[in-house]
Amino acid sequence: MFDRQNYIKDDSPIKKTLLKLFKKTDKLILFDVGACEGEESIRYSKIFPFSSIYIFEPLPKNQIHIIENISKYNFENLNLIPFAVSDEDGEAEFYVSSGHPENLSTDLDWDFGNKSSSLLSPEKSNNPSWLSFEEKIQVETIKLASFSKKNEISEVDFMHMDVQGAELKVLKGANEFIKNIKAIWLEVSDIELYKNQPLRVDIEEFMVSNGFDLIKSELEGKVGDQFYLNKNYFKTISFFKRRFQFHIKKQNIKQ
């Protein structure tokens, strides 16, 4: 789907999963880390209209789109946080992606190039030829532990992460607060799309060692997404695995 408006109107692919964990009327705390233009946050707001959603996005151009989308769809529970989430508070270099697939029309209302920006430098040989990283900027960074303490947030019900290889930076920056995050949906990869990127096995090892169970894994080729539940909050993991129809998709796709 390559149309912003239709994408936002469509349901999130994990809507059913989330509604097995939480009620639509719950007053949840949601973190959308690496939110790009904020489309996923708007989708989550439609599912949980009484929630408070914090949108973390460091790229100024994307922040403009987020502000426009918040205004357009009139969701008052969305909060833009103009930081990159990392394992340190301060500043860092941020590699800005751009580009457009040669075989697709340039008239499409979809920015293909802005979705791969990262705190890590790109491994160009493993990325599509049309994707470039010609710009590098300084961004402010913040740890989840610092942000949560400053904003008096004691628990996070659900966190969506799409941080292009910086997953362990985000997770390690949570410090002890990671024990207070109930559910996490994040991106994983079996190849280095970015230099020194933690791979899927590294993410799995970290999550398991910090009390999370892998409930859902959707891999297409060498990249995909995983859904984790915190055992401090969800004791009957085997029950949830049956409800979620735990499966792993492995299909060959071209980068």
C-alpha atoms as a PDB file:
ATOM      1  CA  MET A   1       0.000   0.000   0.000  1.00  0.00           C
ATOM      2  CA  PHE A   2       1.646   3.232  -1.154  1.00  0.00           C
ATOM      3  CA  ASP A   3      -0.831   5.911  -0.105  1.00  0.00           C
ATOM      4  CA  ARG A   4      -0.568   7.719   3.249  1.00  0.00           C
ATOM      5  CA  GLN A   5      -4.283   8.313   3.767  1.00  0.00           C
ATOM      6  CA  ASN A   6      -5.331   4.759   2.948  1.00  0.00           C
ATOM      7  CA  TYR A   7      -2.492   3.368   5.048  1.00  0.00           C
ATOM      8  CA  ILE A   8      -3.653   5.311   8.090  1.00  0.00           C
ATOM      9  CA  LYS A   9      -7.269   4.293   7.550  1.00  0.00           C
ATOM     10  CA  ASP A  10      -6.315   0.626   7.336  1.00  0.00           C
ATOM     11  CA  ASP A  11      -6.011  -1.468  10.505  1.00  0.00           C
ATOM     12  CA  SER A  12      -2.671  -2.114  12.152  1.00  0.00           C
ATOM     13  CA  PRO A  13      -1.420  -5.656  11.417  1.00  0.00           C
ATOM     14  CA  ILE A  14      -1.240  -6.339  15.155  1.00  0.00           C
ATOM     15  CA  LYS A  15      -4.616  -4.878  16.091  1.00  0.00           C
ATOM     16  CA  LYS A  16      -6.110  -8.278  16.915  1.00  0.00           C
ATOM     17  CA  THR A  17      -3.060  -9.207  18.959  1.00  0.00           C
ATOM     18  CA  LEU A  18      -3.256  -6.022  21.024  1.00  0.00           C
ATOM     19  CA  LEU A  19      -6.985  -6.448  21.634  1.00  0.00           C
ATOM     20  CA  LYS A  20      -6.262  -9.865  23.138  1.00  0.00           C
ATOM     21  CA  LEU A  21      -4.087  -8.112  25.703  1.00  0.00           C
ATOM     22  CA  PHE A  22      -5.914  -4.850  26.345  1.00  0.00           C
ATOM     23  CA  LYS A  23      -9.432  -3.458  26.183  1.00  0.00           C
ATOM     24  CA  LYS A  24     -10.319  -0.730  23.723  1.00  0.00           C
ATOM     25  CA  THR A  25     -11.434   1.478  26.617  1.00  0.00           C
ATOM     26  CA  ASP A  26      -8.198   1.058  28.621  1.00  0.00           C
ATOM     27  CA  LYS A  27      -6.198   4.173  29.422  1.00  0.00           C
ATOM     28  CA  LEU A  28      -2.884   2.851  28.158  1.00  0.00           C
ATOM     29  CA  ILE A  29       0.597   4.324  27.896  1.00  0.00           C
ATOM     30  CA  LEU A  30       2.078   3.626  24.446  1.00  0.00           C
ATOM     31  CA  PHE A  31       5.547   4.454  23.114  1.00  0.00           C
ATOM     32  CA  ASP A  32       6.118   4.667  19.351  1.00  0.00           C
ATOM     33  CA  VAL A  33       9.918   4.757  19.043  1.00  0.00           C
ATOM     34  CA  GLY A  34      11.259   5.701  15.623  1.00  0.00           C
ATOM     35  CA  ALA A  35       7.849   6.864  14.476  1.00  0.00           C
ATOM     36  CA  CYS A  36       8.860   8.321  11.082  1.00  0.00           C
ATOM     37  CA  GLU A  37       5.730  10.236   9.972  1.00  0.00           C
ATOM     38  CA  GLY A  38       3.519   9.007  12.816  1.00  0.00           C
ATOM     39  CA  GLU A  39       1.160   6.784  10.834  1.00  0.00           C
ATOM     40  CA  GLU A  40       1.467   3.867  13.266  1.00  0.00           C
ATOM     41  CA  SER A  41       0.735   6.143  16.223  1.00  0.00           C
ATOM     42  CA  ILE A  42      -2.482   7.280  14.565  1.00  0.00           C
ATOM     43  CA  ARG A  43      -3.445   3.656  13.941  1.00  0.00           C
ATOM     44  CA  TYR A  44      -2.868   2.843  17.627  1.00  0.00           C
ATOM     45  CA  SER A  45      -4.863   5.891  18.643  1.00  0.00           C
ATOM     46  CA  LYS A  46      -7.819   4.570  16.642  1.00  0.00           C
ATOM     47  CA  ILE A  47      -7.570   1.228  18.465  1.00  0.00           C
ATOM     48  CA  PHE A  48      -7.124   2.753  21.929  1.00  0.00           C
ATOM     49  CA  PRO A  49      -8.695   6.241  21.869  1.00  0.00           C
ATOM     50  CA  PHE A  50      -8.283   6.739  25.632  1.00  0.00           C
ATOM     51  CA  SER A  51      -4.559   6.013  25.614  1.00  0.00           C
ATOM     52  CA  SER A  52      -1.602   8.405  25.861  1.00  0.00           C
ATOM     53  CA  ILE A  53       0.813   7.874  22.978  1.00  0.00           C
ATOM     54  CA  TYR A  54       4.350   9.251  22.968  1.00  0.00           C
ATOM     55  CA  ILE A  55       5.841   9.610  19.484  1.00  0.00           C
ATOM     56  CA  PHE A  56       9.653   9.595  19.432  1.00  0.00           C
ATOM     57  CA  GLU A  57      11.105  10.899  16.150  1.00  0.00           C
ATOM     58  CA  PRO A  58      14.398  12.831  15.785  1.00  0.00           C
ATOM     59  CA  LEU A  59      14.293  13.767  12.079  1.00  0.00           C
ATOM     60  CA  PRO A  60      12.987  17.351  11.684  1.00  0.00           C
ATOM     61  CA  LYS A  61      11.338  16.693   8.306  1.00  0.00           C
ATOM     62  CA  ASN A  62       9.413  13.773   9.759  1.00  0.00           C
ATOM     63  CA  GLN A  63       8.406  15.838  12.785  1.00  0.00           C
ATOM     64  CA  ILE A  64       6.661  18.259  10.437  1.00  0.00           C
ATOM     65  CA  HIS A  65       4.653  15.391   8.945  1.00  0.00           C
ATOM     66  CA  ILE A  66       3.752  14.148  12.430  1.00  0.00           C
ATOM     67  CA  ILE A  67       2.470  17.569  13.480  1.00  0.00           C
ATOM     68  CA  GLU A  68       0.454  17.807  10.269  1.00  0.00           C
ATOM     69  CA  ASN A  69      -1.027  14.335  10.786  1.00  0.00           C
ATOM     70  CA  ILE A  70      -1.937  15.033  14.410  1.00  0.00           C
ATOM     71  CA  SER A  71      -3.748  18.184  13.284  1.00  0.00           C
ATOM     72  CA  LYS A  72      -5.398  16.499  10.292  1.00  0.00           C
ATOM     73  CA  TYR A  73      -6.783  13.536  12.218  1.00  0.00           C
ATOM     74  CA  ASN A  74      -7.477  15.537  15.383  1.00  0.00           C
ATOM     75  CA  PHE A  75      -6.062  13.081  17.919  1.00  0.00           C
ATOM     76  CA  GLU A  76      -5.392  14.881  21.186  1.00  0.00           C
ATOM     77  CA  ASN A  77      -3.727  11.899  22.850  1.00  0.00           C
ATOM     78  CA  LEU A  78      -0.618  12.007  20.626  1.00  0.00           C
ATOM     79  CA  ASN A  79       2.540  13.635  21.997  1.00  0.00           C
ATOM     80  CA  LEU A  80       5.563  14.337  19.785  1.00  0.00           C
ATOM     81  CA  ILE A  81       8.937  13.812  21.477  1.00  0.00           C
ATOM     82  CA  PRO A  82      11.670  15.193  19.136  1.00  0.00           C
ATOM     83  CA  PHE A  83      14.451  12.891  20.315  1.00  0.00           C
ATOM     84  CA  ALA A  84      16.217   9.769  19.163  1.00  0.00           C
ATOM     85  CA  VAL A  85      15.892   7.098  21.834  1.00  0.00           C
ATOM     86  CA  SER A  86      19.282   5.605  22.649  1.00  0.00           C
ATOM     87  CA  ASP A  87      21.504   4.283  25.449  1.00  0.00           C
ATOM     88  CA  GLU A  88      22.764   7.754  26.370  1.00  0.00           C
ATOM     89  CA  ASP A  89      21.301  11.195  27.035  1.00  0.00           C
ATOM     90  CA  GLY A  90      22.931  13.845  24.884  1.00  0.00           C
ATOM     91  CA  GLU A  91      23.618  14.170  21.163  1.00  0.00           C
ATOM     92  CA  ALA A  92      24.544  11.762  18.381  1.00  0.00           C
ATOM     93  CA  GLU A  93      25.085  11.584  14.642  1.00  0.00           C
ATOM     94  CA  PHE A  94      22.015  10.515  12.703  1.00  0.00           C
ATOM     95  CA  TYR A  95      22.275   9.071   9.195  1.00  0.00           C
ATOM     96  CA  VAL A  96      19.425  10.376   7.033  1.00  0.00           C
ATOM     97  CA  SER A  97      18.075   8.107   4.308  1.00  0.00           C
ATOM     98  CA  SER A  98      16.462   9.090   1.016  1.00  0.00           C
ATOM     99  CA  GLY A  99      15.614   7.699  -2.409  1.00  0.00           C
ATOM    100  CA  HIS A 100      12.862   6.161  -4.491  1.00  0.00           C
ATOM    101  CA  PRO A 101      12.628   2.719  -6.169  1.00  0.00           C
ATOM    102  CA  GLU A 102      13.305   3.034  -9.897  1.00  0.00           C
ATOM    103  CA  ASN A 103      10.377   0.781 -10.854  1.00  0.00           C
ATOM    104  CA  LEU A 104       7.722   2.804  -8.997  1.00  0.00           C
ATOM    105  CA  SER A 105       5.987   6.021 -10.025  1.00  0.00           C
ATOM    106  CA  THR A 106       7.191   9.242  -8.416  1.00  0.00           C
ATOM    107  CA  ASP A 107       3.554  10.404  -8.232  1.00  0.00           C
ATOM    108  CA  LEU A 108       2.801   8.065  -5.331  1.00  0.00           C
ATOM    109  CA  ASP A 109       1.886   9.723  -2.031  1.00  0.00           C
ATOM    110  CA  TRP A 110       4.506   7.760  -0.152  1.00  0.00           C
ATOM    111  CA  ASP A 111       8.072   8.561   0.886  1.00  0.00           C
ATOM    112  CA  PHE A 112      10.070   5.368   0.451  1.00  0.00           C
ATOM    113  CA  GLY A 113      13.395   6.916   1.296  1.00  0.00           C
ATOM    114  CA  ASN A 114      12.785   8.459   4.713  1.00  0.00           C
ATOM    115  CA  LYS A 115      12.089   5.182   6.529  1.00  0.00           C
ATOM    116  CA  SER A 116      15.641   3.905   6.899  1.00  0.00           C
ATOM    117  CA  SER A 117      17.355   6.712   8.820  1.00  0.00           C
ATOM    118  CA  SER A 118      19.372   5.460  11.776  1.00  0.00           C
ATOM    119  CA  LEU A 119      21.789   6.183  14.586  1.00  0.00           C
ATOM    120  CA  LEU A 120      23.994   3.547  12.943  1.00  0.00           C
ATOM    121  CA  SER A 121      25.916   4.048   9.722  1.00  0.00           C
ATOM    122  CA  PRO A 122      24.484   2.052   6.800  1.00  0.00           C
ATOM    123  CA  GLU A 123      25.968  -1.135   5.375  1.00  0.00           C
ATOM    124  CA  LYS A 124      25.324  -0.123   1.782  1.00  0.00           C
ATOM    125  CA  SER A 125      26.067  -3.515   0.261  1.00  0.00           C
ATOM    126  CA  ASN A 126      23.037  -4.998   2.068  1.00  0.00           C
ATOM    127  CA  ASN A 127      20.601  -2.199   1.217  1.00  0.00           C
ATOM    128  CA  PRO A 128      18.664  -1.554  -2.023  1.00  0.00           C
ATOM    129  CA  SER A 129      20.642   0.296  -4.674  1.00  0.00           C
ATOM    130  CA  TRP A 130      18.063   3.108  -4.795  1.00  0.00           C
ATOM    131  CA  LEU A 131      18.437   3.869  -1.071  1.00  0.00           C
ATOM    132  CA  SER A 132      21.025   6.516  -0.242  1.00  0.00           C
ATOM    133  CA  PHE A 133      22.442   8.137   2.908  1.00  0.00           C
ATOM    134  CA  GLU A 134      23.831  11.437   1.710  1.00  0.00           C
ATOM    135  CA  GLU A 135      23.054  13.513   4.789  1.00  0.00           C
ATOM    136  CA  LYS A 136      24.234  13.248   8.376  1.00  0.00           C
ATOM    137  CA  ILE A 137      22.852  15.473  11.142  1.00  0.00           C
ATOM    138  CA  GLN A 138      23.197  15.925  14.899  1.00  0.00           C
ATOM    139  CA  VAL A 139      20.151  14.942  16.950  1.00  0.00           C
ATOM    140  CA  GLU A 140      19.309  14.981  20.621  1.00  0.00           C
ATOM    141  CA  THR A 141      19.144  11.578  22.291  1.00  0.00           C
ATOM    142  CA  ILE A 142      17.355  10.365  25.378  1.00  0.00           C
ATOM    143  CA  LYS A 143      17.179   7.123  27.317  1.00  0.00           C
ATOM    144  CA  LEU A 144      13.821   5.510  28.020  1.00  0.00           C
ATOM    145  CA  ALA A 145      14.807   5.415  31.683  1.00  0.00           C
ATOM    146  CA  SER A 146      15.441   9.174  31.742  1.00  0.00           C
ATOM    147  CA  PHE A 147      12.294  10.077  29.820  1.00  0.00           C
ATOM    148  CA  SER A 148      10.049   7.881  31.952  1.00  0.00           C
ATOM    149  CA  LYS A 149      11.490   9.235  35.205  1.00  0.00           C
ATOM    150  CA  LYS A 150      11.210  12.858  34.077  1.00  0.00           C
ATOM    151  CA  ASN A 151       7.590  12.383  32.975  1.00  0.00           C
ATOM    152  CA  GLU A 152       6.620  10.262  36.000  1.00  0.00           C
ATOM    153  CA  ILE A 153       5.694   7.270  33.856  1.00  0.00           C
ATOM    154  CA  SER A 154       5.766   4.137  36.003  1.00  0.00           C
ATOM    155  CA  GLU A 155       4.703   1.602  33.349  1.00  0.00           C
ATOM    156  CA  VAL A 156       4.430   1.321  29.570  1.00  0.00           C
ATOM    157  CA  ASP A 157       1.694  -0.967  28.300  1.00  0.00           C
ATOM    158  CA  PHE A 158       3.002  -1.319  24.764  1.00  0.00           C
ATOM    159  CA  MET A 159       6.057  -0.142  22.851  1.00  0.00           C
ATOM    160  CA  HIS A 160       6.422  -0.156  19.059  1.00  0.00           C
ATOM    161  CA  MET A 161      10.037   0.071  17.899  1.00  0.00           C
ATOM    162  CA  ASP A 162      11.271   0.759  14.378  1.00  0.00           C
ATOM    163  CA  VAL A 163      14.758   2.141  14.857  1.00  0.00           C
ATOM    164  CA  GLN A 164      16.714   0.640  11.970  1.00  0.00           C
ATOM    165  CA  GLY A 165      19.357  -1.407  13.742  1.00  0.00           C
ATOM    166  CA  ALA A 166      19.500   0.609  16.973  1.00  0.00           C
ATOM    167  CA  GLU A 167      17.228  -1.794  18.885  1.00  0.00           C
ATOM    168  CA  LEU A 168      19.738  -2.677  21.596  1.00  0.00           C
ATOM    169  CA  LYS A 169      20.582   0.988  22.127  1.00  0.00           C
ATOM    170  CA  VAL A 170      16.920   1.637  22.900  1.00  0.00           C
ATOM    171  CA  LEU A 171      16.475  -1.452  25.062  1.00  0.00           C
ATOM    172  CA  LYS A 172      19.685  -0.984  27.049  1.00  0.00           C
ATOM    173  CA  GLY A 173      18.811   2.670  27.596  1.00  0.00           C
ATOM    174  CA  ALA A 174      15.698   1.550  29.455  1.00  0.00           C
ATOM    175  CA  ASN A 175      17.928   0.247  32.271  1.00  0.00           C
ATOM    176  CA  GLU A 176      15.787  -1.248  35.041  1.00  0.00           C
ATOM    177  CA  PHE A 177      12.690   0.392  33.574  1.00  0.00           C
ATOM    178  CA  ILE A 178      12.537  -2.365  30.962  1.00  0.00           C
ATOM    179  CA  LYS A 179      10.930  -4.519  33.661  1.00  0.00           C
ATOM    180  CA  ASN A 180       7.977  -2.093  33.560  1.00  0.00           C
ATOM    181  CA  ILE A 181       7.273  -2.429  29.832  1.00  0.00           C
ATOM    182  CA  LYS A 182       4.506  -4.964  29.287  1.00  0.00           C
ATOM    183  CA  ALA A 183       4.689  -5.680  25.552  1.00  0.00           C
ATOM    184  CA  ILE A 184       7.157  -4.837  22.757  1.00  0.00           C
ATOM    185  CA  TRP A 185       6.829  -5.091  18.978  1.00  0.00           C
ATOM    186  CA  LEU A 186      10.150  -4.550  17.217  1.00  0.00           C
ATOM    187  CA  GLU A 187      12.045  -5.089  13.984  1.00  0.00           C
ATOM    188  CA  VAL A 188      14.770  -7.734  13.662  1.00  0.00           C
ATOM    189  CA  SER A 189      17.222  -8.751  10.968  1.00  0.00           C
ATOM    190  CA  ASP A 190      19.507 -11.696  10.195  1.00  0.00           C
ATOM    191  CA  ILE A 191      21.863  -9.484   8.168  1.00  0.00           C
ATOM    192  CA  GLU A 192      23.645  -6.219   8.917  1.00  0.00           C
ATOM    193  CA  LEU A 193      21.748  -3.442   7.156  1.00  0.00           C
ATOM    194  CA  TYR A 194      23.782  -1.083   9.369  1.00  0.00           C
ATOM    195  CA  LYS A 195      27.342  -1.423  10.604  1.00  0.00           C
ATOM    196  CA  ASN A 196      27.615  -3.319  13.906  1.00  0.00           C
ATOM    197  CA  GLN A 197      23.865  -3.820  13.953  1.00  0.00           C
ATOM    198  CA  PRO A 198      22.654  -6.358  16.540  1.00  0.00           C
ATOM    199  CA  LEU A 199      21.099  -9.300  14.726  1.00  0.00           C
ATOM    200  CA  ARG A 200      17.941 -11.232  15.527  1.00  0.00           C
ATOM    201  CA  VAL A 201      19.769 -13.704  17.776  1.00  0.00           C
ATOM    202  CA  ASP A 202      21.229 -10.815  19.789  1.00  0.00           C
ATOM    203  CA  ILE A 203      17.788  -9.273  20.287  1.00  0.00           C
ATOM    204  CA  GLU A 204      16.277 -12.607  21.273  1.00  0.00           C
ATOM    205  CA  GLU A 205      19.050 -13.250  23.803  1.00  0.00           C
ATOM    206  CA  PHE A 206      18.630  -9.811  25.364  1.00  0.00           C
ATOM    207  CA  MET A 207      14.848 -10.050  25.575  1.00  0.00           C
ATOM    208  CA  VAL A 208      14.828 -13.528  27.107  1.00  0.00           C
ATOM    209  CA  SER A 209      17.509 -12.562  29.653  1.00  0.00           C
ATOM    210  CA  ASN A 210      15.330  -9.609  30.695  1.00  0.00           C
ATOM    211  CA  GLY A 211      12.197 -11.649  31.341  1.00  0.00           C
ATOM    212  CA  PHE A 212      10.401 -11.481  27.997  1.00  0.00           C
ATOM    213  CA  ASP A 213       8.883 -14.330  26.018  1.00  0.00           C
ATOM    214  CA  LEU A 214       8.736 -14.341  22.229  1.00  0.00           C
ATOM    215  CA  ILE A 215       5.069 -14.700  21.304  1.00  0.00           C
ATOM    216  CA  LYS A 216       4.973 -13.882  17.634  1.00  0.00           C
ATOM    217  CA  SER A 217       7.695 -13.861  15.002  1.00  0.00           C
ATOM    218  CA  GLU A 218       7.049 -12.789  11.424  1.00  0.00           C
ATOM    219  CA  LEU A 219      10.115 -13.023   9.222  1.00  0.00           C
ATOM    220  CA  GLU A 220      10.098 -12.569   5.475  1.00  0.00           C
ATOM    221  CA  GLY A 221      13.479 -13.622   4.241  1.00  0.00           C
ATOM    222  CA  LYS A 222      16.135 -12.136   6.492  1.00  0.00           C
ATOM    223  CA  VAL A 223      14.112  -9.307   8.069  1.00  0.00           C
ATOM    224  CA  GLY A 224      10.855  -9.088   9.985  1.00  0.00           C
ATOM    225  CA  ASP A 225       9.148  -8.262  13.264  1.00  0.00           C
ATOM    226  CA  GLN A 226       8.785  -9.902  16.652  1.00  0.00           C
ATOM    227  CA  PHE A 227       6.279  -9.500  19.485  1.00  0.00           C
ATOM    228  CA  TYR A 228       7.402  -9.994  23.088  1.00  0.00           C
ATOM    229  CA  LEU A 229       5.475 -10.175  26.370  1.00  0.00           C
ATOM    230  CA  ASN A 230       6.905  -9.395  29.791  1.00  0.00           C
ATOM    231  CA  LYS A 231       6.503 -12.402  32.100  1.00  0.00           C
ATOM    232  CA  ASN A 232       6.132 -10.064  35.076  1.00  0.00           C
ATOM    233  CA  TYR A 233       2.722  -9.120  33.688  1.00  0.00           C
ATOM    234  CA  PHE A 234       1.688 -12.130  31.624  1.00  0.00           C
ATOM    235  CA  LYS A 235       2.274 -15.364  33.530  1.00  0.00           C
ATOM    236  CA  THR A 236       0.524 -17.824  31.231  1.00  0.00           C
ATOM    237  CA  ILE A 237       2.751 -17.409  28.187  1.00  0.00           C
ATOM    238  CA  SER A 238       1.828 -20.794  26.709  1.00  0.00           C
ATOM    239  CA  PHE A 239      -1.820 -19.717  26.737  1.00  0.00           C
ATOM    240  CA  PHE A 240      -1.002 -16.538  24.810  1.00  0.00           C
ATOM    241  CA  LYS A 241       1.090 -18.462  22.331  1.00  0.00           C
ATOM    242  CA  ARG A 242      -1.898 -20.627  21.499  1.00  0.00           C
ATOM    243  CA  ARG A 243      -4.171 -17.604  21.159  1.00  0.00           C
ATOM    244  CA  PHE A 244      -1.721 -15.776  18.916  1.00  0.00           C
ATOM    245  CA  GLN A 245      -1.139 -18.861  16.751  1.00  0.00           C
ATOM    246  CA  PHE A 246       2.597 -18.506  17.163  1.00  0.00           C
ATOM    247  CA  HIS A 247       4.354 -18.915  13.856  1.00  0.00           C
ATOM    248  CA  ILE A 248       7.430 -17.918  11.910  1.00  0.00           C
ATOM    249  CA  LYS A 249       7.216 -16.939   8.270  1.00  0.00           C
ATOM    250  CA  LYS A 250      10.329 -17.551   6.261  1.00  0.00           C
ATOM    251  CA  GLN A 251      10.076 -16.482   2.674  1.00  0.00           C
ATOM    252  CA  ASN A 252      12.740 -15.333   0.271  1.00  0.00           C
ATOM    253  CA  ILE A 253      12.410 -11.650  -0.614  1.00  0.00           C
ATOM    254  CA  LYS A 254      14.716  -9.323  -2.489  1.00  0.00           C
ATOM    255  CA  GLN A 255      16.142  -6.377  -0.644  1.00  0.00           C
END
